[in-house]
Protein backbone atom coordinates (compact mmCIF):
# COMPACT_ATOMS: atom_id res chain seq x y z
CA MET A 1 38.39 -13.57 -77.82
CA THR A 2 40.40 -10.73 -76.28
CA ASN A 3 43.79 -11.10 -74.48
CA ALA A 4 42.19 -10.08 -71.21
CA ALA A 5 39.88 -13.35 -71.63
CA VAL A 6 42.38 -15.25 -72.10
CA ARG A 7 44.31 -14.64 -69.14
CA GLY A 8 41.37 -15.03 -67.55
CA ARG A 9 40.57 -11.36 -66.53
CA PHE A 10 37.14 -10.08 -66.18
CA ILE A 11 37.00 -6.39 -68.30
CA GLY A 12 33.98 -4.89 -66.14
CA PRO A 13 31.96 -2.03 -67.26
CA GLY A 14 34.44 1.16 -67.16
CA ASP A 15 37.53 -0.76 -67.49
CA SER A 16 39.16 -0.57 -70.66
CA THR A 17 42.20 -2.42 -72.43
CA ARG A 18 45.33 -1.34 -74.26
CA ALA A 19 47.36 -4.18 -75.54
CA GLY A 20 45.25 -7.07 -73.64
CA ILE A 21 46.39 -5.59 -70.61
CA ARG A 22 43.68 -4.61 -68.09
CA THR A 23 43.59 -0.85 -66.92
CA PRO A 24 41.17 -0.75 -63.99
CA ALA A 25 38.68 2.25 -63.79
CA ALA A 26 39.12 5.07 -61.22
CA PRO A 27 38.02 4.27 -57.99
CA ALA A 28 34.64 5.50 -57.19
CA ALA A 29 34.82 9.04 -55.22
CA ALA A 30 35.26 8.07 -51.56
CA PRO A 31 32.98 10.43 -49.22
CA SER A 32 34.60 12.68 -47.59
CA PRO A 33 36.51 11.62 -43.91
CA ALA A 34 34.75 13.15 -41.46
CA ALA A 35 37.23 16.01 -40.18
CA PRO A 36 40.16 14.30 -37.73
CA ALA A 37 39.35 14.13 -33.79
CA ALA A 38 41.49 17.10 -32.54
CA ALA A 39 44.88 15.63 -30.67
CA PRO A 40 43.72 15.88 -26.51
CA VAL A 41 44.72 18.79 -24.60
CA SER A 42 47.89 17.53 -22.87
CA ASN A 43 46.99 18.69 -19.09
CA LYS A 44 50.63 17.84 -18.03
CA ARG A 45 53.57 20.14 -17.89
CA ARG A 46 57.04 18.64 -17.24
CA ASP A 47 60.36 20.65 -15.65
CA PHE A 48 63.65 18.71 -14.98
CA PHE A 49 64.42 18.48 -11.55
CA ALA A 50 66.87 15.85 -9.79
CA TYR A 51 66.79 14.75 -6.06
CA THR A 52 69.72 14.26 -4.04
CA ILE A 53 70.91 12.21 -1.01
CA LEU A 54 74.31 12.36 0.60
CA PHE A 55 75.80 9.69 3.08
CA ALA A 56 78.58 11.48 4.13
CA ASN A 57 81.42 9.09 6.23
CA LEU A 58 80.09 5.73 5.18
CA VAL A 59 82.59 3.55 7.63
CA ALA A 60 83.77 0.27 5.98
CA GLY A 61 81.53 -2.77 6.91
CA ASN A 62 78.69 -0.39 7.95
CA SER A 63 75.39 0.39 6.39
CA ALA A 64 73.18 3.61 6.46
CA GLN A 65 69.67 4.32 5.94
CA GLY A 66 68.53 7.55 4.49
CA SER A 67 65.11 8.75 2.74
CA ILE A 68 63.93 11.95 0.20
CA GLN A 69 60.24 13.09 1.02
CA LEU A 70 59.19 14.27 -2.33
CA GLN A 71 57.19 17.80 -2.71
CA SER A 72 53.71 17.52 -2.83
CA ASP A 73 53.13 19.91 -5.86
CA SER A 74 53.70 17.28 -8.68
CA GLU A 75 54.66 13.70 -9.37
CA PHE A 76 58.44 12.78 -9.81
CA GLU A 77 59.27 10.83 -13.12
CA LEU A 78 62.45 9.35 -12.45
CA THR A 79 64.62 8.53 -15.89
CA LYS A 80 68.37 8.39 -14.94
CA LEU A 81 70.50 7.52 -11.71
CA THR A 82 73.94 9.00 -11.35
CA MET A 83 76.47 9.20 -8.39
CA PHE A 84 79.65 11.21 -7.15
CA ALA A 85 81.85 8.86 -4.41
CA ASP A 86 84.85 9.93 -2.70
CA ILE A 87 87.00 8.98 0.00
CA ALA A 88 87.74 11.75 2.41
CA ASN A 89 86.72 14.40 0.58
CA GLY A 90 90.23 13.94 -1.51
CA ASP A 91 90.51 15.55 -4.76
CA GLU A 92 89.46 13.20 -7.85
CA THR A 93 90.66 13.08 -11.54
CA GLU A 94 89.83 11.24 -14.15
CA ALA A 95 92.22 8.43 -13.45
CA THR A 96 90.92 8.37 -9.63
CA ARG A 97 87.44 8.50 -9.96
CA VAL A 98 86.15 5.87 -7.36
CA LEU A 99 83.84 3.36 -7.72
CA PRO A 100 82.13 2.67 -4.32
CA LEU A 101 81.93 -0.81 -2.85
CA VAL A 102 78.33 0.04 -1.80
CA THR A 103 75.36 -1.92 -2.17
CA LEU A 104 72.04 0.14 -2.43
CA GLN A 105 67.77 -0.87 -2.07
CA LEU A 106 65.74 1.53 -2.82
CA ARG A 107 62.31 1.87 -1.68
CA ASP A 108 58.84 3.65 -2.97
CA SER A 109 56.63 4.33 -0.04
CA GLY A 110 53.98 5.54 -2.23
CA THR A 111 53.47 1.74 -3.92
CA ALA A 112 55.39 0.09 -0.72
CA ARG A 113 57.39 -2.09 -3.20
CA ASN A 114 61.21 -2.06 -3.51
CA LEU A 115 63.15 -1.10 -6.68
CA PHE A 116 65.48 -3.97 -6.90
CA SER A 117 64.99 -7.57 -6.03
CA ALA A 118 68.14 -7.67 -3.98
CA PRO A 119 70.61 -4.91 -2.88
CA VAL A 120 73.01 -3.77 -5.94
CA PRO A 121 76.41 -2.54 -6.20
CA ILE A 122 76.06 0.93 -6.80
CA PRO A 123 78.91 1.16 -10.15
CA ALA A 124 76.11 -1.62 -11.88
CA ILE A 125 73.27 0.48 -11.54
CA PHE A 126 74.08 4.42 -11.09
CA GLY A 127 76.24 6.36 -13.75
CA ASP A 128 78.57 9.48 -13.49
CA GLY A 129 77.57 12.51 -14.10
CA ARG A 130 78.68 12.57 -18.08
CA ILE A 131 77.33 9.20 -18.83
CA PRO A 132 74.11 8.18 -15.97
CA PHE A 133 72.25 5.23 -15.84
CA ILE A 134 69.16 5.45 -18.26
CA LEU A 135 66.06 3.17 -16.64
CA PRO A 136 64.54 1.19 -19.54
CA VAL A 137 61.28 2.16 -18.03
CA PRO A 138 60.46 5.58 -16.28
CA LYS A 139 59.08 5.73 -12.91
CA MET A 140 56.94 7.41 -11.29
CA PHE A 141 56.35 8.31 -7.74
CA SER A 142 53.80 10.07 -6.49
CA PRO A 143 53.34 13.64 -4.92
CA ASN A 144 54.39 13.32 -1.22
CA ALA A 145 55.90 9.86 -1.23
CA SER A 146 59.69 8.94 0.03
CA ILE A 147 62.11 7.49 -1.21
CA SER A 148 63.81 5.11 0.92
CA PHE A 149 67.81 4.01 0.69
CA GLU A 150 69.64 1.52 2.30
CA VAL A 151 73.52 1.53 1.77
CA SER A 152 75.96 -1.04 2.60
CA ASN A 153 79.60 -0.07 2.41
CA PHE A 154 81.36 -3.85 1.99
CA ALA A 155 84.75 -2.39 1.79
CA SER A 156 86.94 -3.48 3.73
CA ALA A 157 88.81 -0.58 4.60
CA THR A 158 87.58 2.28 2.57
CA ASP A 159 85.13 5.15 3.99
CA TYR A 160 83.16 6.71 1.50
CA ASN A 161 81.00 9.85 1.20
CA LEU A 162 78.51 8.77 -1.36
CA ARG A 163 75.82 11.74 -3.00
CA LEU A 164 73.14 10.15 -5.23
CA LEU A 165 71.29 11.58 -7.88
CA LEU A 166 67.73 10.99 -9.06
CA VAL A 167 67.27 12.48 -12.05
CA GLY A 168 64.06 13.48 -14.02
CA ALA A 169 60.98 15.41 -14.33
CA LYS A 170 58.53 16.78 -11.85
CA VAL A 171 55.07 16.32 -13.57
CA PHE A 172 52.71 18.93 -13.03
CA SER A 173 48.60 18.53 -13.62
CA TYR A 174 46.60 20.98 -14.34
CA GLY A 175 43.00 22.26 -15.02
């Protein structure tokens, strides 16, 4: 009895043994696979773009509304949120950076949905220009949609100038 038979191995036609160890025959030539399908050609182009809105002199204890009308030439893919706030147009340094006591609710008119379950403090969802808040999933807005903003200053005695930026890409579809 051979070593292969002792070990319970079957040695078929085309197999060979060397010192009782089975060496499989070369695999049969596989039929030539069809040429891989060409990658689909993208009919979209993305260009960097940012929409901005200003809430000037947002008085303590008051609310304000505003909206951005999105352009009709493309969808808008929102990926980052950033803001800048100041008090009475005062100079700012790294040490005097303003974190506004303001809540925000965003509403997409294209889907008729709010982006937050409840108004959120702006510093909790918007970063500054150096370190923006990056959305975990990009938000797509339809062409011609509008984005409504409702801000509410909950500070007891501070008025803010507030600039909000929606950073992302205009997504153009073509031919």
